[in-house]
């Protein structure tokens, strides 16, 4: 960073999704628990200013239009112009579309995980790190940072069979 430039403060909005799931053997199912995002940021020794707001604890398939409106409102009303949203991967692109229409002039990066952050083998810390980095350097707009790639949030889809996101329409 050039001398005299200050790092932007990053707002992290958590919505739930696999990144915040824990596995309960007795129930044989995943449940979304307290967000592990603050702990991931501490472990990563993130030095730039940030704050975390837990908006909800939902699987992304359970998100409603009202939930998406809440995410958009929180992003729009925040003083920060650099925002990371942790989100379930199944409907991440739907939320990206809402944010793109509702929150102009800010850099918003959605990210999540294909396996829970609490698992030993997880993509969560890497994806979160990519999202924080992307939020600092990408131009205003909505982006998705997953699996080592950054996508235009309006030109991407989740390929469930391949277990990854892929660009569409030349994005």
N, C-alpha and C. Protein backbone atom coordinates (compact mmCIF):
# COMPACT_ATOMS: atom_id res chain seq x y z
N UNK A 1 0.84 -1.17 0.00
CA UNK A 1 0.00 0.00 0.00
C UNK A 1 0.89 1.24 0.00
N UNK A 2 0.50 2.23 -0.79
CA UNK A 2 1.30 3.44 -0.92
C UNK A 2 1.30 4.22 0.39
N UNK A 3 2.39 4.96 0.65
CA UNK A 3 2.45 5.76 1.88
C UNK A 3 1.27 6.73 1.94
N UNK A 4 0.74 6.90 3.12
CA UNK A 4 -0.35 7.83 3.31
C UNK A 4 -1.73 7.22 3.09
N UNK A 5 -1.79 6.05 2.47
CA UNK A 5 -3.08 5.40 2.27
C UNK A 5 -3.47 4.66 3.54
N UNK A 6 -4.71 4.74 3.87
CA UNK A 6 -5.17 4.00 5.04
C UNK A 6 -5.99 2.81 4.58
N UNK A 7 -5.89 1.74 5.34
CA UNK A 7 -6.65 0.55 5.00
C UNK A 7 -8.12 0.79 5.33
N UNK A 8 -9.00 0.37 4.44
CA UNK A 8 -10.42 0.55 4.72
C UNK A 8 -10.85 -0.39 5.85
N UNK A 9 -11.79 0.10 6.64
CA UNK A 9 -12.39 -0.76 7.65
C UNK A 9 -13.34 -1.72 6.93
N UNK A 10 -13.34 -2.96 7.34
CA UNK A 10 -14.17 -3.98 6.70
C UNK A 10 -15.32 -4.34 7.64
N UNK A 11 -16.51 -4.38 7.09
CA UNK A 11 -17.68 -4.87 7.82
C UNK A 11 -17.92 -6.30 7.38
N UNK A 12 -18.07 -7.21 8.33
CA UNK A 12 -18.37 -8.60 8.01
C UNK A 12 -19.76 -8.91 8.54
N UNK A 13 -20.66 -9.23 7.63
CA UNK A 13 -22.03 -9.60 7.97
C UNK A 13 -22.15 -11.11 7.87
N UNK A 14 -22.56 -11.78 8.93
CA UNK A 14 -22.71 -13.23 8.88
C UNK A 14 -24.19 -13.58 8.78
N UNK A 15 -24.48 -14.56 7.94
CA UNK A 15 -25.87 -14.99 7.75
C UNK A 15 -26.08 -16.46 8.09
N UNK A 16 -24.99 -17.18 8.34
CA UNK A 16 -25.10 -18.62 8.59
C UNK A 16 -24.45 -19.39 7.47
N UNK A 17 -25.10 -20.45 7.03
CA UNK A 17 -24.54 -21.27 5.96
C UNK A 17 -23.55 -22.28 6.51
N UNK A 18 -23.03 -23.11 5.62
CA UNK A 18 -22.13 -24.20 6.01
C UNK A 18 -20.92 -23.69 6.77
N UNK A 19 -20.42 -22.51 6.43
CA UNK A 19 -19.22 -21.98 7.08
C UNK A 19 -19.42 -21.94 8.60
N UNK A 20 -20.66 -21.77 9.07
CA UNK A 20 -20.95 -21.68 10.50
C UNK A 20 -21.69 -22.90 11.04
N UNK A 21 -21.62 -24.02 10.34
CA UNK A 21 -22.31 -25.21 10.82
C UNK A 21 -21.40 -26.06 11.71
N UNK A 22 -22.04 -26.79 12.61
CA UNK A 22 -21.35 -27.78 13.44
C UNK A 22 -22.12 -29.08 13.28
N UNK A 23 -21.43 -30.18 13.45
CA UNK A 23 -22.04 -31.48 13.27
C UNK A 23 -22.34 -32.09 14.63
N UNK A 24 -23.56 -32.52 14.81
CA UNK A 24 -23.97 -33.14 16.07
C UNK A 24 -24.23 -34.62 15.83
N UNK A 25 -23.35 -35.48 16.37
CA UNK A 25 -23.48 -36.91 16.14
C UNK A 25 -24.82 -37.46 16.59
N UNK A 26 -25.31 -37.01 17.74
CA UNK A 26 -26.55 -37.56 18.28
C UNK A 26 -27.72 -37.31 17.33
N UNK A 27 -27.66 -36.21 16.61
CA UNK A 27 -28.75 -35.86 15.70
C UNK A 27 -28.46 -36.27 14.26
N UNK A 28 -27.19 -36.57 13.99
CA UNK A 28 -26.75 -36.90 12.63
C UNK A 28 -27.12 -35.80 11.64
N UNK A 29 -27.03 -34.58 12.06
CA UNK A 29 -27.30 -33.49 11.14
C UNK A 29 -26.46 -32.28 11.52
N UNK A 30 -26.36 -31.38 10.56
CA UNK A 30 -25.66 -30.13 10.79
C UNK A 30 -26.61 -29.12 11.42
N UNK A 31 -26.07 -28.27 12.27
CA UNK A 31 -26.83 -27.15 12.78
C UNK A 31 -25.93 -25.92 12.74
N UNK A 32 -26.54 -24.79 12.49
CA UNK A 32 -25.78 -23.55 12.49
C UNK A 32 -25.72 -23.05 13.93
N UNK A 33 -24.52 -22.77 14.39
CA UNK A 33 -24.29 -22.36 15.77
C UNK A 33 -23.69 -20.96 15.77
N UNK A 34 -23.28 -20.47 16.93
CA UNK A 34 -22.64 -19.15 17.00
C UNK A 34 -21.61 -19.02 15.89
N UNK A 35 -21.56 -17.86 15.30
CA UNK A 35 -20.64 -17.65 14.19
C UNK A 35 -19.19 -17.88 14.63
N UNK A 36 -18.48 -18.66 13.83
CA UNK A 36 -17.05 -18.89 14.08
C UNK A 36 -16.18 -17.86 13.38
N UNK A 37 -16.80 -16.91 12.70
CA UNK A 37 -16.04 -15.93 11.91
C UNK A 37 -15.12 -15.07 12.79
N UNK A 38 -15.59 -14.54 13.93
CA UNK A 38 -14.66 -13.76 14.77
C UNK A 38 -13.42 -14.56 15.17
N UNK A 39 -13.60 -15.83 15.51
CA UNK A 39 -12.45 -16.66 15.89
C UNK A 39 -11.51 -16.87 14.70
N UNK A 40 -12.06 -17.08 13.51
CA UNK A 40 -11.21 -17.24 12.32
C UNK A 40 -10.38 -15.99 12.08
N UNK A 41 -11.00 -14.82 12.26
CA UNK A 41 -10.27 -13.57 12.04
C UNK A 41 -9.18 -13.37 13.09
N UNK A 42 -9.47 -13.76 14.34
CA UNK A 42 -8.45 -13.66 15.39
C UNK A 42 -7.29 -14.60 15.08
N UNK A 43 -7.61 -15.86 14.73
CA UNK A 43 -6.56 -16.85 14.43
C UNK A 43 -5.70 -16.39 13.27
N UNK A 44 -6.31 -15.71 12.30
CA UNK A 44 -5.58 -15.23 11.13
C UNK A 44 -4.79 -13.96 11.43
N UNK A 45 -4.97 -13.42 12.64
CA UNK A 45 -4.28 -12.19 13.06
C UNK A 45 -4.56 -11.03 12.11
N UNK A 46 -5.82 -10.90 11.72
CA UNK A 46 -6.22 -9.82 10.82
C UNK A 46 -5.92 -8.49 11.51
N UNK A 47 -5.11 -7.67 10.84
CA UNK A 47 -4.62 -6.44 11.46
C UNK A 47 -5.42 -5.21 11.06
N UNK A 48 -6.17 -5.29 9.98
CA UNK A 48 -6.92 -4.12 9.58
C UNK A 48 -8.19 -4.00 10.42
N UNK A 49 -8.73 -2.80 10.52
CA UNK A 49 -9.93 -2.63 11.34
C UNK A 49 -11.12 -3.36 10.72
N UNK A 50 -11.87 -4.05 11.55
CA UNK A 50 -13.07 -4.74 11.07
C UNK A 50 -14.07 -4.83 12.21
N UNK A 51 -15.31 -5.04 11.85
CA UNK A 51 -16.33 -5.37 12.83
C UNK A 51 -17.23 -6.44 12.22
N UNK A 52 -17.78 -7.26 13.10
CA UNK A 52 -18.62 -8.38 12.68
C UNK A 52 -20.02 -8.17 13.23
N UNK A 53 -21.01 -8.31 12.37
CA UNK A 53 -22.41 -8.28 12.79
C UNK A 53 -23.05 -9.59 12.37
N UNK A 54 -23.55 -10.33 13.36
CA UNK A 54 -24.27 -11.58 13.04
C UNK A 54 -25.72 -11.21 12.77
N UNK A 55 -26.13 -11.32 11.50
CA UNK A 55 -27.49 -10.95 11.13
C UNK A 55 -28.48 -12.08 11.36
N UNK A 56 -28.05 -13.31 11.06
CA UNK A 56 -28.94 -14.46 11.21
C UNK A 56 -28.11 -15.72 11.18
N UNK A 57 -28.74 -16.83 11.52
CA UNK A 57 -28.09 -18.14 11.50
C UNK A 57 -28.96 -19.07 10.68
N UNK A 58 -28.85 -18.99 9.37
CA UNK A 58 -29.72 -19.78 8.51
C UNK A 58 -28.93 -20.50 7.44
N UNK A 59 -29.43 -21.66 7.06
CA UNK A 59 -28.98 -22.31 5.85
C UNK A 59 -29.46 -21.42 4.70
N UNK A 60 -28.68 -21.27 3.67
CA UNK A 60 -29.08 -20.32 2.63
C UNK A 60 -30.34 -20.75 1.89
N UNK A 61 -30.66 -22.04 1.91
CA UNK A 61 -31.91 -22.49 1.29
C UNK A 61 -33.13 -22.01 2.06
N UNK A 62 -32.92 -21.60 3.32
CA UNK A 62 -34.02 -21.11 4.15
C UNK A 62 -34.16 -19.59 4.13
N UNK A 63 -33.25 -18.90 3.44
CA UNK A 63 -33.31 -17.44 3.40
C UNK A 63 -34.53 -16.97 2.62
N UNK A 64 -35.20 -15.96 3.15
CA UNK A 64 -36.39 -15.39 2.52
C UNK A 64 -36.04 -14.06 1.87
N UNK A 65 -36.99 -13.52 1.12
CA UNK A 65 -36.79 -12.18 0.54
C UNK A 65 -36.55 -11.17 1.66
N UNK A 66 -37.27 -11.34 2.77
CA UNK A 66 -37.10 -10.43 3.92
C UNK A 66 -35.69 -10.53 4.49
N UNK A 67 -35.14 -11.75 4.56
CA UNK A 67 -33.77 -11.93 5.04
C UNK A 67 -32.79 -11.20 4.12
N UNK A 68 -32.98 -11.35 2.82
CA UNK A 68 -32.09 -10.69 1.86
C UNK A 68 -32.21 -9.17 1.97
N UNK A 69 -33.43 -8.70 2.20
CA UNK A 69 -33.64 -7.26 2.38
C UNK A 69 -32.91 -6.77 3.63
N UNK A 70 -32.88 -7.59 4.67
CA UNK A 70 -32.16 -7.24 5.90
C UNK A 70 -30.65 -7.14 5.64
N UNK A 71 -30.10 -8.09 4.89
CA UNK A 71 -28.68 -8.04 4.54
C UNK A 71 -28.39 -6.77 3.74
N UNK A 72 -29.25 -6.48 2.74
CA UNK A 72 -29.05 -5.30 1.91
C UNK A 72 -29.14 -4.02 2.75
N UNK A 73 -30.11 -3.96 3.64
CA UNK A 73 -30.27 -2.79 4.50
C UNK A 73 -29.05 -2.59 5.40
N UNK A 74 -28.56 -3.67 6.00
CA UNK A 74 -27.38 -3.58 6.87
C UNK A 74 -26.17 -3.09 6.08
N UNK A 75 -26.02 -3.59 4.86
CA UNK A 75 -24.88 -3.18 4.02
C UNK A 75 -25.03 -1.72 3.60
N UNK A 76 -26.22 -1.34 3.20
CA UNK A 76 -26.46 0.03 2.71
C UNK A 76 -26.28 1.05 3.83
N UNK A 77 -26.78 0.75 5.02
CA UNK A 77 -26.76 1.71 6.13
C UNK A 77 -25.42 1.77 6.87
N UNK A 78 -24.56 0.79 6.66
CA UNK A 78 -23.27 0.77 7.36
C UNK A 78 -22.37 1.90 6.87
N UNK A 79 -21.55 2.45 7.77
CA UNK A 79 -20.61 3.47 7.33
C UNK A 79 -19.49 2.88 6.45
N UNK A 80 -19.21 1.60 6.61
CA UNK A 80 -18.15 0.97 5.82
C UNK A 80 -18.56 0.85 4.35
N UNK A 81 -17.57 1.01 3.48
CA UNK A 81 -17.83 0.84 2.04
C UNK A 81 -17.24 -0.47 1.52
N UNK A 82 -16.57 -1.22 2.40
CA UNK A 82 -15.97 -2.51 2.05
C UNK A 82 -16.60 -3.56 2.96
N UNK A 83 -17.35 -4.49 2.35
CA UNK A 83 -18.17 -5.40 3.14
C UNK A 83 -17.96 -6.84 2.67
N UNK A 84 -17.84 -7.74 3.65
CA UNK A 84 -17.80 -9.17 3.38
C UNK A 84 -19.07 -9.77 3.97
N UNK A 85 -19.74 -10.63 3.21
CA UNK A 85 -20.94 -11.32 3.69
C UNK A 85 -20.65 -12.81 3.68
N UNK A 86 -20.70 -13.45 4.85
CA UNK A 86 -20.57 -14.92 4.88
C UNK A 86 -21.97 -15.48 4.69
N UNK A 87 -22.07 -16.52 3.86
CA UNK A 87 -23.37 -16.92 3.33
C UNK A 87 -23.29 -18.38 2.90
N UNK A 88 -24.40 -19.06 2.96
CA UNK A 88 -24.46 -20.42 2.41
C UNK A 88 -24.30 -20.36 0.90
N UNK A 89 -23.70 -21.40 0.33
CA UNK A 89 -23.37 -21.35 -1.09
C UNK A 89 -24.55 -21.63 -2.01
N UNK A 90 -25.59 -22.30 -1.52
CA UNK A 90 -26.68 -22.69 -2.42
C UNK A 90 -27.44 -21.51 -3.01
N UNK A 91 -27.62 -20.43 -2.25
CA UNK A 91 -28.37 -19.27 -2.78
C UNK A 91 -27.54 -17.99 -2.74
N UNK A 92 -26.23 -18.14 -2.69
CA UNK A 92 -25.34 -16.98 -2.64
C UNK A 92 -25.56 -16.05 -3.83
N UNK A 93 -25.76 -16.62 -5.01
CA UNK A 93 -25.93 -15.78 -6.20
C UNK A 93 -27.25 -15.01 -6.16
N UNK A 94 -28.28 -15.55 -5.52
CA UNK A 94 -29.55 -14.82 -5.39
C UNK A 94 -29.35 -13.59 -4.51
N UNK A 95 -28.62 -13.76 -3.41
CA UNK A 95 -28.35 -12.62 -2.53
C UNK A 95 -27.46 -11.61 -3.24
N UNK A 96 -26.51 -12.08 -4.05
CA UNK A 96 -25.65 -11.17 -4.81
C UNK A 96 -26.48 -10.26 -5.71
N UNK A 97 -27.50 -10.82 -6.36
CA UNK A 97 -28.36 -10.02 -7.24
C UNK A 97 -29.10 -8.94 -6.45
N UNK A 98 -29.62 -9.31 -5.27
CA UNK A 98 -30.34 -8.35 -4.44
C UNK A 98 -29.39 -7.23 -4.00
N UNK A 99 -28.21 -7.60 -3.54
CA UNK A 99 -27.24 -6.60 -3.07
C UNK A 99 -26.81 -5.68 -4.20
N UNK A 100 -26.62 -6.23 -5.38
CA UNK A 100 -26.19 -5.43 -6.53
C UNK A 100 -27.22 -4.35 -6.84
N UNK A 101 -28.49 -4.70 -6.76
CA UNK A 101 -29.56 -3.74 -7.06
C UNK A 101 -29.79 -2.75 -5.93
N UNK A 102 -29.56 -3.19 -4.69
CA UNK A 102 -29.97 -2.40 -3.52
C UNK A 102 -28.86 -1.60 -2.85
N UNK A 103 -27.59 -1.93 -3.15
CA UNK A 103 -26.49 -1.27 -2.43
C UNK A 103 -25.44 -0.77 -3.44
N UNK A 104 -25.70 0.38 -4.06
CA UNK A 104 -24.73 0.90 -5.02
C UNK A 104 -23.52 1.55 -4.34
N UNK A 105 -22.40 1.56 -5.06
CA UNK A 105 -21.25 2.32 -4.61
C UNK A 105 -20.40 1.68 -3.53
N UNK A 106 -20.69 0.45 -3.16
CA UNK A 106 -19.88 -0.23 -2.14
C UNK A 106 -19.30 -1.51 -2.74
N UNK A 107 -18.18 -1.93 -2.18
CA UNK A 107 -17.58 -3.20 -2.59
C UNK A 107 -18.05 -4.26 -1.62
N UNK A 108 -18.81 -5.23 -2.14
CA UNK A 108 -19.38 -6.28 -1.31
C UNK A 108 -18.89 -7.62 -1.85
N UNK A 109 -18.35 -8.44 -0.95
CA UNK A 109 -17.83 -9.75 -1.35
C UNK A 109 -18.53 -10.82 -0.53
N UNK A 110 -19.21 -11.72 -1.23
CA UNK A 110 -19.84 -12.86 -0.56
C UNK A 110 -18.89 -14.03 -0.58
N UNK A 111 -18.87 -14.78 0.52
CA UNK A 111 -18.06 -15.98 0.59
C UNK A 111 -18.73 -16.96 1.53
N UNK A 112 -18.26 -18.17 1.50
CA UNK A 112 -18.81 -19.21 2.36
C UNK A 112 -17.84 -20.36 2.38
N UNK A 113 -18.37 -21.56 2.59
CA UNK A 113 -17.51 -22.74 2.64
C UNK A 113 -18.30 -23.94 2.16
N UNK A 114 -17.58 -24.88 1.58
CA UNK A 114 -18.21 -26.13 1.17
C UNK A 114 -18.16 -27.16 2.28
N UNK A 115 -17.34 -26.89 3.32
CA UNK A 115 -17.35 -27.72 4.54
C UNK A 115 -17.20 -26.77 5.73
N UNK A 116 -17.79 -27.13 6.87
CA UNK A 116 -17.82 -26.20 8.02
C UNK A 116 -16.44 -25.77 8.49
N UNK A 117 -16.37 -24.52 8.96
CA UNK A 117 -15.11 -23.96 9.47
C UNK A 117 -14.58 -24.78 10.64
N UNK A 118 -15.48 -25.45 11.37
CA UNK A 118 -15.06 -26.22 12.53
C UNK A 118 -14.44 -27.57 12.16
N UNK A 119 -14.48 -27.94 10.88
CA UNK A 119 -13.88 -29.19 10.44
C UNK A 119 -12.39 -29.00 10.21
N UNK A 120 -11.62 -30.05 10.42
CA UNK A 120 -10.17 -29.98 10.23
C UNK A 120 -9.84 -29.65 8.77
N UNK A 121 -10.56 -30.27 7.86
CA UNK A 121 -10.33 -29.99 6.44
C UNK A 121 -11.47 -29.13 5.95
N UNK A 122 -11.21 -27.84 5.86
CA UNK A 122 -12.24 -26.89 5.45
C UNK A 122 -11.63 -25.81 4.57
N UNK A 123 -12.44 -25.29 3.69
CA UNK A 123 -12.03 -24.18 2.83
C UNK A 123 -12.38 -22.83 3.46
N UNK A 124 -12.98 -22.85 4.65
CA UNK A 124 -13.49 -21.62 5.27
C UNK A 124 -12.42 -20.54 5.49
N UNK A 125 -11.29 -20.83 6.16
CA UNK A 125 -10.31 -19.75 6.41
C UNK A 125 -9.75 -19.17 5.12
N UNK A 126 -9.49 -20.02 4.15
CA UNK A 126 -8.95 -19.55 2.88
C UNK A 126 -9.95 -18.65 2.17
N UNK A 127 -11.22 -19.09 2.11
CA UNK A 127 -12.25 -18.30 1.44
C UNK A 127 -12.47 -16.97 2.16
N UNK A 128 -12.49 -17.00 3.48
CA UNK A 128 -12.67 -15.76 4.24
C UNK A 128 -11.51 -14.81 3.98
N UNK A 129 -10.30 -15.34 3.96
CA UNK A 129 -9.13 -14.51 3.67
C UNK A 129 -9.20 -13.90 2.28
N UNK A 130 -9.60 -14.70 1.31
CA UNK A 130 -9.76 -14.19 -0.05
C UNK A 130 -10.81 -13.08 -0.09
N UNK A 131 -11.89 -13.27 0.63
CA UNK A 131 -12.97 -12.28 0.63
C UNK A 131 -12.51 -10.97 1.25
N UNK A 132 -11.76 -11.04 2.36
CA UNK A 132 -11.25 -9.83 3.00
C UNK A 132 -10.28 -9.11 2.07
N UNK A 133 -9.43 -9.86 1.40
CA UNK A 133 -8.48 -9.26 0.46
C UNK A 133 -9.22 -8.63 -0.72
N UNK A 134 -10.18 -9.36 -1.27
CA UNK A 134 -10.94 -8.85 -2.41
C UNK A 134 -11.70 -7.57 -2.04
N UNK A 135 -12.28 -7.55 -0.84
CA UNK A 135 -13.03 -6.37 -0.40
C UNK A 135 -12.14 -5.13 -0.35
N UNK A 136 -10.86 -5.31 -0.13
CA UNK A 136 -9.93 -4.18 -0.06
C UNK A 136 -9.51 -3.67 -1.43
N UNK A 137 -9.48 -4.54 -2.43
CA UNK A 137 -8.89 -4.14 -3.71
C UNK A 137 -9.86 -4.11 -4.88
N UNK A 138 -10.99 -4.76 -4.78
CA UNK A 138 -11.94 -4.79 -5.90
C UNK A 138 -12.68 -3.46 -6.01
N UNK A 139 -13.07 -3.09 -7.23
CA UNK A 139 -13.87 -1.88 -7.39
C UNK A 139 -15.27 -2.09 -6.82
N UNK A 140 -16.02 -1.02 -6.62
CA UNK A 140 -17.38 -1.17 -6.13
C UNK A 140 -18.18 -2.14 -7.00
N UNK A 141 -19.01 -2.92 -6.35
CA UNK A 141 -19.81 -3.93 -7.02
C UNK A 141 -19.97 -5.11 -6.08
N UNK A 142 -20.58 -6.16 -6.59
CA UNK A 142 -20.80 -7.37 -5.79
C UNK A 142 -19.98 -8.49 -6.40
N UNK A 143 -19.20 -9.15 -5.54
CA UNK A 143 -18.27 -10.18 -5.95
C UNK A 143 -18.51 -11.44 -5.13
N UNK A 144 -18.11 -12.57 -5.65
CA UNK A 144 -18.13 -13.83 -4.91
C UNK A 144 -16.71 -14.38 -4.91
N UNK A 145 -16.18 -14.63 -3.71
CA UNK A 145 -14.83 -15.19 -3.57
C UNK A 145 -14.95 -16.59 -3.00
N UNK A 146 -14.64 -17.58 -3.81
CA UNK A 146 -14.73 -18.98 -3.40
C UNK A 146 -13.64 -19.80 -4.09
N UNK A 147 -13.05 -20.72 -3.37
CA UNK A 147 -12.14 -21.72 -3.94
C UNK A 147 -11.00 -21.10 -4.75
N UNK A 148 -10.45 -20.00 -4.26
CA UNK A 148 -9.30 -19.41 -4.92
C UNK A 148 -9.65 -18.57 -6.13
N UNK A 149 -10.93 -18.31 -6.36
CA UNK A 149 -11.34 -17.49 -7.50
C UNK A 149 -12.25 -16.37 -7.04
N UNK A 150 -12.22 -15.27 -7.80
CA UNK A 150 -13.12 -14.15 -7.54
C UNK A 150 -13.99 -14.00 -8.78
N UNK A 151 -15.30 -13.95 -8.56
CA UNK A 151 -16.26 -13.86 -9.65
C UNK A 151 -17.10 -12.60 -9.54
N UNK A 152 -17.51 -12.07 -10.69
CA UNK A 152 -18.54 -11.05 -10.72
C UNK A 152 -19.79 -11.71 -10.14
N UNK A 153 -20.36 -11.11 -9.10
CA UNK A 153 -21.51 -11.71 -8.41
C UNK A 153 -22.74 -11.91 -9.27
N UNK A 154 -22.79 -11.23 -10.42
CA UNK A 154 -23.93 -11.38 -11.32
C UNK A 154 -23.63 -12.31 -12.49
N UNK A 155 -22.41 -12.82 -12.56
CA UNK A 155 -22.02 -13.66 -13.70
C UNK A 155 -21.38 -14.95 -13.21
N UNK A 156 -22.06 -15.62 -12.27
CA UNK A 156 -21.51 -16.83 -11.68
C UNK A 156 -22.66 -17.74 -11.25
N UNK A 157 -22.40 -19.02 -11.22
CA UNK A 157 -23.39 -19.96 -10.69
C UNK A 157 -22.65 -21.05 -9.93
N UNK A 158 -23.37 -21.71 -9.04
CA UNK A 158 -22.79 -22.84 -8.32
C UNK A 158 -23.04 -24.09 -9.15
N UNK A 159 -21.97 -24.80 -9.45
CA UNK A 159 -22.08 -26.09 -10.14
C UNK A 159 -22.07 -27.15 -9.05
N UNK A 160 -23.26 -27.61 -8.67
CA UNK A 160 -23.36 -28.55 -7.55
C UNK A 160 -22.64 -29.86 -7.81
N UNK A 161 -22.68 -30.34 -9.06
CA UNK A 161 -22.04 -31.62 -9.35
C UNK A 161 -20.53 -31.54 -9.24
N UNK A 162 -19.97 -30.37 -9.62
CA UNK A 162 -18.51 -30.19 -9.53
C UNK A 162 -18.09 -29.68 -8.16
N UNK A 163 -19.05 -29.21 -7.37
CA UNK A 163 -18.73 -28.67 -6.04
C UNK A 163 -17.93 -27.39 -6.09
N UNK A 164 -18.25 -26.51 -7.07
CA UNK A 164 -17.53 -25.25 -7.17
C UNK A 164 -18.38 -24.23 -7.91
N UNK A 165 -17.92 -22.98 -7.88
CA UNK A 165 -18.58 -21.92 -8.62
C UNK A 165 -17.92 -21.79 -9.99
N UNK A 166 -18.70 -21.45 -11.00
CA UNK A 166 -18.18 -21.28 -12.35
C UNK A 166 -18.76 -20.00 -12.93
N UNK A 167 -17.95 -19.32 -13.75
CA UNK A 167 -18.37 -18.08 -14.39
C UNK A 167 -19.39 -18.38 -15.49
N UNK A 168 -20.32 -17.46 -15.68
CA UNK A 168 -21.29 -17.57 -16.78
C UNK A 168 -21.27 -16.27 -17.59
N UNK A 169 -21.79 -16.30 -18.78
CA UNK A 169 -21.88 -15.11 -19.64
C UNK A 169 -20.54 -14.41 -19.80
N UNK A 170 -19.46 -15.17 -19.89
CA UNK A 170 -18.15 -14.55 -20.09
C UNK A 170 -17.61 -13.84 -18.87
N UNK A 171 -18.28 -14.03 -17.69
CA UNK A 171 -17.84 -13.35 -16.48
C UNK A 171 -16.67 -14.04 -15.92
